[in-house]
Amino acid sequence: MDAVRVALLREVLAGTEWLGATRRFAGTLRSSVVPHGGGLLLVGTAAYEPWHLAAHLVDEAAWSGTPELTPTLVRHRVLGTEPAHLSTGLGRIEAARRGETLLVVAPDAPDPELLTRVHDARRAGATVLALGSGDRDLGALSHEALTVPETPDLDLDTVQHLVSAAAGENALPQARGPRRLRDRLSRLADQLTSPPPTRW
């Protein structure tokens, strides 16, 4: 989703709790990965792999100059023929340690095996974040959770776009130099979505 579409989406959601909620969650995500130089693990449920969120975080990491946002996508099923960046299995969660962050995207209830691995990662010192349906067991294991009710106006995919965009925007401004492409796109989006000036 490009900067213009994110800006339009934010305009539609203005006045709701979602802009603040997604920015807070994104701020927690940034503050848990940036000081440690990365270590972001991203996992879904057995029925849902968060491909789009992984791709958007990679883009935001590049655009914002914050490589720490680049996630490792942890998959439930890994085939031996897949490239290295798609071959990280659930065993990686067991190896998570202090300084790493585990972001679980769960549109449905995670299976007991995943919950056990998340529990082990938390006990080992990893920060656990959850985004999804509000499963009680996953919420109890999480340091921070954002529950997304399925409604006609808002769904998990939309919230993932808002979170990834906000994570990139929270980057500290760079020291002097030319404005970043991201800044120019954001300004353009603001101009395109603002109402025309009123003439009296």
Foldseek 3Di string as FASTA:
>chain_A
DFLLVLLVLCVVCPPHCQLVLLLVLLVVVLVLQQVLVAQEEEEEALVDFPPVLLVLQCVLCVQLVNVNSRYQGEHCDADPPDDPSRHHYLVVLLVAAASHEYEYEYQDDHDPVSLVSLQNNVVRHYAYEYEYQPPPSSVVSHPYYDHDDDDPSDDRVSSSNSNSVSNSVVRDDDPDDDDGPSVVSNVVSCVVPDDDDDDD
